[in-house]
Amino acid sequence: AAMDTAVKVLTAGITSKDDAVKRASVRALLDLKPGPAKV
């Protein structure tokens, strides 16, 4: 559930207007390695 919440928040972050949030979201997703189906 924590992973699913993170993927949801980070996915939303990728569409942010703030480029720093976008980059942080991509990096966080890569670090968490939730699997190809989710990422």
PDB file of all heavy atoms in Angstrom:
ATOM      1  N   ALA A   1       0.838  -1.205   0.000  1.00  0.00           N
ATOM      2  CA  ALA A   1       0.000   0.000   0.000  1.00  0.00           C
ATOM      3  C   ALA A   1       0.873   1.255   0.000  1.00  0.00           C
ATOM      4  O   ALA A   1       0.537   2.245  -0.666  1.00  0.00           O
ATOM      5  CB  ALA A   1      -0.940  -0.002   1.210  1.00  0.00           C
ATOM      6  N   ALA A   2       1.974   1.230   0.732  1.00  0.00           N
ATOM      7  CA  ALA A   2       2.888   2.383   0.743  1.00  0.00           C
ATOM      8  C   ALA A   2       3.491   2.586  -0.647  1.00  0.00           C
ATOM      9  O   ALA A   2       3.635   3.727  -1.105  1.00  0.00           O
ATOM     10  CB  ALA A   2       3.986   2.191   1.782  1.00  0.00           C
ATOM     11  N   MET A   3       3.828   1.496  -1.313  1.00  0.00           N
ATOM     12  CA  MET A   3       4.374   1.594  -2.671  1.00  0.00           C
ATOM     13  C   MET A   3       3.320   2.147  -3.625  1.00  0.00           C
ATOM     14  O   MET A   3       3.613   3.024  -4.445  1.00  0.00           O
ATOM     15  CB  MET A   3       4.869   0.231  -3.161  1.00  0.00           C
ATOM     16  CG  MET A   3       5.430   0.258  -4.571  1.00  0.00           C
ATOM     17  SD  MET A   3       6.910   1.275  -4.758  1.00  0.00           S
ATOM     18  CE  MET A   3       8.139   0.161  -4.106  1.00  0.00           C
ATOM     19  N   ASP A   4       2.088   1.660  -3.513  1.00  0.00           N
ATOM     20  CA  ASP A   4       1.022   2.151  -4.389  1.00  0.00           C
ATOM     21  C   ASP A   4       0.768   3.643  -4.179  1.00  0.00           C
ATOM     22  O   ASP A   4       0.584   4.389  -5.137  1.00  0.00           O
ATOM     23  CB  ASP A   4      -0.271   1.357  -4.165  1.00  0.00           C
ATOM     24  CG  ASP A   4      -0.182  -0.069  -4.704  1.00  0.00           C
ATOM     25  OD1 ASP A   4       0.735  -0.363  -5.504  1.00  0.00           O
ATOM     26  OD2 ASP A   4      -1.040  -0.891  -4.321  1.00  0.00           O
ATOM     27  N   THR A   5       0.772   4.070  -2.917  1.00  0.00           N
ATOM     28  CA  THR A   5       0.595   5.489  -2.623  1.00  0.00           C
ATOM     29  C   THR A   5       1.742   6.303  -3.222  1.00  0.00           C
ATOM     30  O   THR A   5       1.519   7.353  -3.832  1.00  0.00           O
ATOM     31  CB  THR A   5       0.514   5.730  -1.095  1.00  0.00           C
ATOM     32  OG1 THR A   5      -0.630   5.040  -0.595  1.00  0.00           O
ATOM     33  CG2 THR A   5       0.422   7.205  -0.767  1.00  0.00           C
ATOM     34  N   ALA A   6       2.963   5.806  -3.053  1.00  0.00           N
ATOM     35  CA  ALA A   6       4.121   6.516  -3.600  1.00  0.00           C
ATOM     36  C   ALA A   6       4.012   6.630  -5.117  1.00  0.00           C
ATOM     37  O   ALA A   6       4.239   7.706  -5.674  1.00  0.00           O
ATOM     38  CB  ALA A   6       5.411   5.814  -3.200  1.00  0.00           C
ATOM     39  N   VAL A   7       3.668   5.540  -5.791  1.00  0.00           N
ATOM     40  CA  VAL A   7       3.552   5.575  -7.250  1.00  0.00           C
ATOM     41  C   VAL A   7       2.487   6.592  -7.671  1.00  0.00           C
ATOM     42  O   VAL A   7       2.691   7.367  -8.605  1.00  0.00           O
ATOM     43  CB  VAL A   7       3.251   4.166  -7.822  1.00  0.00           C
ATOM     44  CG1 VAL A   7       2.873   4.239  -9.299  1.00  0.00           C
ATOM     45  CG2 VAL A   7       4.456   3.259  -7.628  1.00  0.00           C
ATOM     46  N   LYS A   8       1.383   6.635  -6.944  1.00  0.00           N
ATOM     47  CA  LYS A   8       0.306   7.588  -7.260  1.00  0.00           C
ATOM     48  C   LYS A   8       0.796   9.029  -7.099  1.00  0.00           C
ATOM     49  O   LYS A   8       0.597   9.868  -7.984  1.00  0.00           O
ATOM     50  CB  LYS A   8      -0.890   7.326  -6.350  1.00  0.00           C
ATOM     51  CG  LYS A   8      -2.065   8.222  -6.606  1.00  0.00           C
ATOM     52  CD  LYS A   8      -3.214   7.880  -5.671  1.00  0.00           C
ATOM     53  CE  LYS A   8      -4.359   8.855  -5.861  1.00  0.00           C
ATOM     54  NZ  LYS A   8      -5.443   8.621  -4.910  1.00  0.00           N
ATOM     55  N   VAL A   9       1.452   9.314  -5.980  1.00  0.00           N
ATOM     56  CA  VAL A   9       1.950  10.670  -5.719  1.00  0.00           C
ATOM     57  C   VAL A   9       3.036  11.051  -6.727  1.00  0.00           C
ATOM     58  O   VAL A   9       3.052  12.162  -7.257  1.00  0.00           O
ATOM     59  CB  VAL A   9       2.474  10.793  -4.274  1.00  0.00           C
ATOM     60  CG1 VAL A   9       3.209  12.108  -4.052  1.00  0.00           C
ATOM     61  CG2 VAL A   9       1.323  10.656  -3.283  1.00  0.00           C
ATOM     62  N   LEU A  10       3.942  10.119  -6.998  1.00  0.00           N
ATOM     63  CA  LEU A  10       5.051  10.407  -7.909  1.00  0.00           C
ATOM     64  C   LEU A  10       4.568  10.557  -9.347  1.00  0.00           C
ATOM     65  O   LEU A  10       5.097  11.373 -10.101  1.00  0.00           O
ATOM     66  CB  LEU A  10       6.125   9.326  -7.786  1.00  0.00           C
ATOM     67  CG  LEU A  10       6.736   9.212  -6.378  1.00  0.00           C
ATOM     68  CD1 LEU A  10       7.678   8.025  -6.304  1.00  0.00           C
ATOM     69  CD2 LEU A  10       7.423  10.491  -5.972  1.00  0.00           C
ATOM     70  N   THR A  11       3.564   9.784  -9.725  1.00  0.00           N
ATOM     71  CA  THR A  11       2.985   9.920 -11.062  1.00  0.00           C
ATOM     72  C   THR A  11       2.355  11.295 -11.214  1.00  0.00           C
ATOM     73  O   THR A  11       2.533  11.957 -12.240  1.00  0.00           O
ATOM     74  CB  THR A  11       1.943   8.816 -11.319  1.00  0.00           C
ATOM     75  OG1 THR A  11       2.586   7.550 -11.213  1.00  0.00           O
ATOM     76  CG2 THR A  11       1.325   8.942 -12.694  1.00  0.00           C
ATOM     77  N   ALA A  12       1.651  11.736 -10.180  1.00  0.00           N
ATOM     78  CA  ALA A  12       1.074  13.087 -10.215  1.00  0.00           C
ATOM     79  C   ALA A  12       2.193  14.124 -10.285  1.00  0.00           C
ATOM     80  O   ALA A  12       2.070  15.126 -10.990  1.00  0.00           O
ATOM     81  CB  ALA A  12       0.200  13.311  -8.980  1.00  0.00           C
ATOM     82  N   GLY A  13       3.287  13.876  -9.596  1.00  0.00           N
ATOM     83  CA  GLY A  13       4.416  14.802  -9.606  1.00  0.00           C
ATOM     84  C   GLY A  13       5.039  14.974 -10.971  1.00  0.00           C
ATOM     85  O   GLY A  13       5.538  16.047 -11.311  1.00  0.00           O
ATOM     86  N   ILE A  14       5.004  13.928 -11.759  1.00  0.00           N
ATOM     87  CA  ILE A  14       5.580  13.996 -13.110  1.00  0.00           C
ATOM     88  C   ILE A  14       4.829  14.991 -13.981  1.00  0.00           C
ATOM     89  O   ILE A  14       5.397  15.581 -14.892  1.00  0.00           O
ATOM     90  CB  ILE A  14       5.612  12.587 -13.752  1.00  0.00           C
ATOM     91  CG1 ILE A  14       6.690  11.744 -13.071  1.00  0.00           C
ATOM     92  CG2 ILE A  14       5.870  12.659 -15.244  1.00  0.00           C
ATOM     93  CD1 ILE A  14       6.712  10.300 -13.490  1.00  0.00           C
ATOM     94  N   THR A  15       3.567  15.226 -13.680  1.00  0.00           N
ATOM     95  CA  THR A  15       2.778  16.168 -14.476  1.00  0.00           C
ATOM     96  C   THR A  15       2.722  17.560 -13.841  1.00  0.00           C
ATOM     97  O   THR A  15       1.961  18.410 -14.294  1.00  0.00           O
ATOM     98  CB  THR A  15       1.342  15.631 -14.672  1.00  0.00           C
ATOM     99  OG1 THR A  15       0.716  15.493 -13.392  1.00  0.00           O
ATOM    100  CG2 THR A  15       1.355  14.291 -15.386  1.00  0.00           C
ATOM    101  N   SER A  16       3.522  17.789 -12.839  1.00  0.00           N
ATOM    102  CA  SER A  16       3.559  19.084 -12.151  1.00  0.00           C
ATOM    103  C   SER A  16       4.018  20.196 -13.085  1.00  0.00           C
ATOM    104  O   SER A  16       4.736  19.957 -14.065  1.00  0.00           O
ATOM    105  CB  SER A  16       4.523  19.002 -10.960  1.00  0.00           C
ATOM    106  OG  SER A  16       4.729  20.270 -10.393  1.00  0.00           O
ATOM    107  N   LYS A  17       3.650  21.407 -12.748  1.00  0.00           N
ATOM    108  CA  LYS A  17       4.150  22.578 -13.476  1.00  0.00           C
ATOM    109  C   LYS A  17       5.561  22.934 -13.026  1.00  0.00           C
ATOM    110  O   LYS A  17       6.260  23.679 -13.691  1.00  0.00           O
ATOM    111  CB  LYS A  17       3.219  23.766 -13.272  1.00  0.00           C
ATOM    112  CG  LYS A  17       1.865  23.567 -13.915  1.00  0.00           C
ATOM    113  CD  LYS A  17       0.962  24.746 -13.690  1.00  0.00           C
ATOM    114  CE  LYS A  17      -0.384  24.466 -14.356  1.00  0.00           C
ATOM    115  NZ  LYS A  17      -1.338  25.534 -14.114  1.00  0.00           N
ATOM    116  N   ASP A  18       5.963  22.399 -11.890  1.00  0.00           N
ATOM    117  CA  ASP A  18       7.273  22.680 -11.299  1.00  0.00           C
ATOM    118  C   ASP A  18       8.284  21.633 -11.791  1.00  0.00           C
ATOM    119  O   ASP A  18       8.152  20.439 -11.492  1.00  0.00           O
ATOM    120  CB  ASP A  18       7.150  22.637  -9.777  1.00  0.00           C
ATOM    121  CG  ASP A  18       8.429  22.991  -9.054  1.00  0.00           C
ATOM    122  OD1 ASP A  18       9.528  22.777  -9.610  1.00  0.00           O
ATOM    123  OD2 ASP A  18       8.339  23.448  -7.901  1.00  0.00           O
ATOM    124  N   ASP A  19       9.272  22.070 -12.549  1.00  0.00           N
ATOM    125  CA  ASP A  19      10.250  21.136 -13.108  1.00  0.00           C
ATOM    126  C   ASP A  19      11.039  20.397 -12.037  1.00  0.00           C
ATOM    127  O   ASP A  19      11.408  19.236 -12.223  1.00  0.00           O
ATOM    128  CB  ASP A  19      11.210  21.857 -14.062  1.00  0.00           C
ATOM    129  CG  ASP A  19      10.550  22.217 -15.393  1.00  0.00           C
ATOM    130  OD1 ASP A  19       9.511  21.612 -15.731  1.00  0.00           O
ATOM    131  OD2 ASP A  19      11.079  23.094 -16.087  1.00  0.00           O
ATOM    132  N   ALA A  20      11.303  21.019 -10.899  1.00  0.00           N
ATOM    133  CA  ALA A  20      12.021  20.340  -9.818  1.00  0.00           C
ATOM    134  C   ALA A  20      11.188  19.189  -9.272  1.00  0.00           C
ATOM    135  O   ALA A  20      11.721  18.120  -8.958  1.00  0.00           O
ATOM    136  CB  ALA A  20      12.375  21.327  -8.705  1.00  0.00           C
ATOM    137  N   VAL A  21       9.883  19.380  -9.178  1.00  0.00           N
ATOM    138  CA  VAL A  21       8.986  18.317  -8.715  1.00  0.00           C
ATOM    139  C   VAL A  21       8.968  17.182  -9.739  1.00  0.00           C
ATOM    140  O   VAL A  21       9.007  16.003  -9.378  1.00  0.00           O
ATOM    141  CB  VAL A  21       7.566  18.860  -8.455  1.00  0.00           C
ATOM    142  CG1 VAL A  21       6.577  17.737  -8.181  1.00  0.00           C
ATOM    143  CG2 VAL A  21       7.582  19.849  -7.287  1.00  0.00           C
ATOM    144  N   LYS A  22       8.942  17.545 -11.025  1.00  0.00           N
ATOM    145  CA  LYS A  22       8.956  16.530 -12.082  1.00  0.00           C
ATOM    146  C   LYS A  22      10.214  15.656 -11.979  1.00  0.00           C
ATOM    147  O   LYS A  22      10.142  14.430 -12.001  1.00  0.00           O
ATOM    148  CB  LYS A  22       8.925  17.175 -13.470  1.00  0.00           C
ATOM    149  CG  LYS A  22       7.626  17.800 -13.840  1.00  0.00           C
ATOM    150  CD  LYS A  22       7.751  18.427 -15.228  1.00  0.00           C
ATOM    151  CE  LYS A  22       6.546  19.238 -15.580  1.00  0.00           C
ATOM    152  NZ  LYS A  22       6.654  19.835 -16.911  1.00  0.00           N
ATOM    153  N   ARG A  23      11.374  16.318 -11.873  1.00  0.00           N
ATOM    154  CA  ARG A  23      12.634  15.571 -11.812  1.00  0.00           C
ATOM    155  C   ARG A  23      12.701  14.711 -10.558  1.00  0.00           C
ATOM    156  O   ARG A  23      13.113  13.548 -10.626  1.00  0.00           O
ATOM    157  CB  ARG A  23      13.817  16.533 -11.884  1.00  0.00           C
ATOM    158  CG  ARG A  23      14.025  17.144 -13.256  1.00  0.00           C
ATOM    159  CD  ARG A  23      15.344  17.901 -13.359  1.00  0.00           C
ATOM    160  NE  ARG A  23      15.407  19.032 -12.462  1.00  0.00           N
ATOM    161  CZ  ARG A  23      15.021  20.267 -12.764  1.00  0.00           C
ATOM    162  NH1 ARG A  23      14.521  20.523 -13.964  1.00  0.00           N
ATOM    163  NH2 ARG A  23      15.126  21.239 -11.889  1.00  0.00           N
ATOM    164  N   ALA A  24      12.294  15.257  -9.439  1.00  0.00           N
ATOM    165  CA  ALA A  24      12.319  14.493  -8.183  1.00  0.00           C
ATOM    166  C   ALA A  24      11.383  13.292  -8.280  1.00  0.00           C
ATOM    167  O   ALA A  24      11.706  12.207  -7.779  1.00  0.00           O
ATOM    168  CB  ALA A  24      11.925  15.383  -7.008  1.00  0.00           C
ATOM    169  N   SER A  25      10.254  13.457  -8.934  1.00  0.00           N
ATOM    170  CA  SER A  25       9.291  12.359  -9.074  1.00  0.00           C
ATOM    171  C   SER A  25       9.863  11.229  -9.920  1.00  0.00           C
ATOM    172  O   SER A  25       9.731  10.050  -9.576  1.00  0.00           O
ATOM    173  CB  SER A  25       7.986  12.875  -9.678  1.00  0.00           C
ATOM    174  OG  SER A  25       7.374  13.804  -8.817  1.00  0.00           O
ATOM    175  N   VAL A  26      10.507  11.581 -11.021  1.00  0.00           N
ATOM    176  CA  VAL A  26      11.121  10.560 -11.881  1.00  0.00           C
ATOM    177  C   VAL A  26      12.217   9.823 -11.118  1.00  0.00           C
ATOM    178  O   VAL A  26      12.275   8.596 -11.106  1.00  0.00           O
ATOM    179  CB  VAL A  26      11.678  11.175 -13.185  1.00  0.00           C
ATOM    180  CG1 VAL A  26      12.523  10.167 -13.949  1.00  0.00           C
ATOM    181  CG2 VAL A  26      10.536  11.667 -14.059  1.00  0.00           C
ATOM    182  N   ARG A  27      13.092  10.581 -10.450  1.00  0.00           N
ATOM    183  CA  ARG A  27      14.185   9.957  -9.696  1.00  0.00           C
ATOM    184  C   ARG A  27      13.649   9.030  -8.608  1.00  0.00           C
ATOM    185  O   ARG A  27      14.180   7.939  -8.395  1.00  0.00           O
ATOM    186  CB  ARG A  27      15.079  11.022  -9.076  1.00  0.00           C
ATOM    187  CG  ARG A  27      15.954  11.719 -10.074  1.00  0.00           C
ATOM    188  CD  ARG A  27      16.954  12.649  -9.384  1.00  0.00           C
ATOM    189  NE  ARG A  27      17.495  13.571 -10.348  1.00  0.00           N
ATOM    190  CZ  ARG A  27      17.367  14.887 -10.302  1.00  0.00           C
ATOM    191  NH1 ARG A  27      16.727  15.455  -9.312  1.00  0.00           N
ATOM    192  NH2 ARG A  27      17.893  15.642 -11.233  1.00  0.00           N
ATOM    193  N   ALA A  28      12.605   9.477  -7.919  1.00  0.00           N
ATOM    194  CA  ALA A  28      12.036   8.665  -6.841  1.00  0.00           C
ATOM    195  C   ALA A  28      11.430   7.379  -7.391  1.00  0.00           C
ATOM    196  O   ALA A  28      11.608   6.304  -6.813  1.00  0.00           O
ATOM    197  CB  ALA A  28      10.999   9.465  -6.071  1.00  0.00           C
ATOM    198  N   LEU A  29      10.736   7.481  -8.512  1.00  0.00           N
ATOM    199  CA  LEU A  29      10.171   6.275  -9.125  1.00  0.00           C
ATOM    200  C   LEU A  29      11.276   5.293  -9.512  1.00  0.00           C
ATOM    201  O   LEU A  29      11.155   4.090  -9.296  1.00  0.00           O
ATOM    202  CB  LEU A  29       9.360   6.630 -10.371  1.00  0.00           C
ATOM    203  CG  LEU A  29       7.913   6.998 -10.142  1.00  0.00           C
ATOM    204  CD1 LEU A  29       7.296   7.539 -11.425  1.00  0.00           C
ATOM    205  CD2 LEU A  29       7.108   5.818  -9.634  1.00  0.00           C
ATOM    206  N   LEU A  30      12.346   5.813 -10.074  1.00  0.00           N
ATOM    207  CA  LEU A  30      13.452   4.947 -10.472  1.00  0.00           C
ATOM    208  C   LEU A  30      14.068   4.267  -9.253  1.00  0.00           C
ATOM    209  O   LEU A  30      14.412   3.099  -9.289  1.00  0.00           O
ATOM    210  CB  LEU A  30      14.530   5.750 -11.196  1.00  0.00           C
ATOM    211  CG  LEU A  30      14.108   6.425 -12.481  1.00  0.00           C
ATOM    212  CD1 LEU A  30      15.262   7.196 -13.086  1.00  0.00           C
ATOM    213  CD2 LEU A  30      13.576   5.416 -13.456  1.00  0.00           C
ATOM    214  N   ASP A  31      14.203   4.992  -8.168  1.00  0.00           N
ATOM    215  CA  ASP A  31      14.805   4.451  -6.964  1.00  0.00           C
ATOM    216  C   ASP A  31      13.923   3.377  -6.331  1.00  0.00           C
ATOM    217  O   ASP A  31      14.433   2.365  -5.854  1.00  0.00           O
ATOM    218  CB  ASP A  31      15.078   5.555  -5.951  1.00  0.00           C
ATOM    219  CG  ASP A  31      15.712   5.007  -4.691  1.00  0.00           C
ATOM    220  OD1 ASP A  31      16.887   4.578  -4.773  1.00  0.00           O
ATOM    221  OD2 ASP A  31      15.031   4.965  -3.648  1.00  0.00           O
ATOM    222  N   LEU A  32      12.612   3.579  -6.338  1.00  0.00           N
ATOM    223  CA  LEU A  32      11.711   2.625  -5.692  1.00  0.00           C
ATOM    224  C   LEU A  32      11.575   1.316  -6.468  1.00  0.00           C
ATOM    225  O   LEU A  32      11.246   0.291  -5.890  1.00  0.00           O
ATOM    226  CB  LEU A  32      10.335   3.254  -5.482  1.00  0.00           C
ATOM    227  CG  LEU A  32      10.273   4.377  -4.451  1.00  0.00           C
ATOM    228  CD1 LEU A  32       8.860   4.949  -4.390  1.00  0.00           C
ATOM    229  CD2 LEU A  32      10.718   3.891  -3.079  1.00  0.00           C
ATOM    230  N   LYS A  33      11.788   1.374  -7.768  1.00  0.00           N
ATOM    231  CA  LYS A  33      11.690   0.188  -8.620  1.00  0.00           C
ATOM    232  C   LYS A  33      10.382  -0.579  -8.372  1.00  0.00           C
ATOM    233  O   LYS A  33      10.400  -1.749  -7.991  1.00  0.00           O
ATOM    234  CB  LYS A  33      12.893  -0.738  -8.384  1.00  0.00           C
ATOM    235  CG  LYS A  33      14.210  -0.100  -8.736  1.00  0.00           C
ATOM    236  CD  LYS A  33      15.362  -1.061  -8.456  1.00  0.00           C
ATOM    237  CE  LYS A  33      16.651  -0.466  -8.892  1.00  0.00           C
ATOM    238  NZ  LYS A  33      17.354   0.319  -7.949  1.00  0.00           N
ATOM    239  N   PRO A  34       9.239   0.075  -8.608  1.00  0.00           N
ATOM    240  CA  PRO A  34       7.970  -0.604  -8.358  1.00  0.00           C
ATOM    241  C   PRO A  34       7.615  -1.652  -9.414  1.00  0.00           C
ATOM    242  O   PRO A  34       6.601  -2.318  -9.297  1.00  0.00           O
ATOM    243  CB  PRO A  34       6.959   0.542  -8.363  1.00  0.00           C
ATOM    244  CG  PRO A  34       7.564   1.564  -9.249  1.00  0.00           C
ATOM    245  CD  PRO A  34       9.048   1.450  -9.040  1.00  0.00           C
ATOM    246  N   GLY A  35       8.434  -1.782 -10.420  1.00  0.00           N
ATOM    247  CA  GLY A  35       8.187  -2.769 -11.479  1.00  0.00           C
ATOM    248  C   GLY A  35       7.645  -2.082 -12.717  1.00  0.00           C
ATOM    249  O   GLY A  35       6.983  -1.051 -12.636  1.00  0.00           O
ATOM    250  N   PRO A  36       7.942  -2.655 -13.884  1.00  0.00           N
ATOM    251  CA  PRO A  36       7.554  -2.033 -15.158  1.00  0.00           C
ATOM    252  C   PRO A  36       6.064  -1.754 -15.277  1.00  0.00           C
ATOM    253  O   PRO A  36       5.671  -0.732 -15.814  1.00  0.00           O
ATOM    254  CB  PRO A  36       8.007  -3.044 -16.215  1.00  0.00           C
ATOM    255  CG  PRO A  36       9.050  -3.852 -15.558  1.00  0.00           C
ATOM    256  CD  PRO A  36       8.717  -3.877 -14.095  1.00  0.00           C
ATOM    257  N   ALA A  37       5.214  -2.649 -14.780  1.00  0.00           N
ATOM    258  CA  ALA A  37       3.773  -2.456 -14.928  1.00  0.00           C
ATOM    259  C   ALA A  37       3.314  -1.173 -14.251  1.00  0.00           C
ATOM    260  O   ALA A  37       2.386  -0.513 -14.722  1.00  0.00           O
ATOM    261  CB  ALA A  37       3.016  -3.647 -14.355  1.00  0.00           C
ATOM    262  N   LYS A  38       3.958  -0.801 -13.156  1.00  0.00           N
ATOM    263  CA  LYS A  38       3.567   0.407 -12.442  1.00  0.00           C
ATOM    264  C   LYS A  38       4.336   1.635 -12.913  1.00  0.00           C
ATOM    265  O   LYS A  38       3.797   2.731 -12.951  1.00  0.00           O
ATOM    266  CB  LYS A  38       3.792   0.227 -10.939  1.00  0.00           C
ATOM    267  CG  LYS A  38       2.819  -0.728 -10.308  1.00  0.00           C
ATOM    268  CD  LYS A  38       3.037  -0.822  -8.817  1.00  0.00           C
ATOM    269  CE  LYS A  38       2.058  -1.815  -8.219  1.00  0.00           C
ATOM    270  NZ  LYS A  38       2.193  -1.914  -6.778  1.00  0.00           N
ATOM    271  N   VAL A  39       5.596   1.453 -13.262  1.00  0.00           N
ATOM    272  CA  VAL A  39       6.428   2.617 -13.545  1.00  0.00           C
ATOM    273  C   VAL A  39       6.325   3.097 -14.992  1.00  0.00           C
ATOM    274  O   VAL A  39       6.406   4.291 -15.254  1.00  0.00           O
ATOM    275  CB  VAL A  39       7.891   2.359 -13.130  1.00  0.00           C
ATOM    276  CG1 VAL A  39       8.633   1.507 -14.133  1.00  0.00           C
ATOM    277  CG2 VAL A  39       8.629   3.650 -12.909  1.00  0.00           C
TER     278      VAL A  39
END
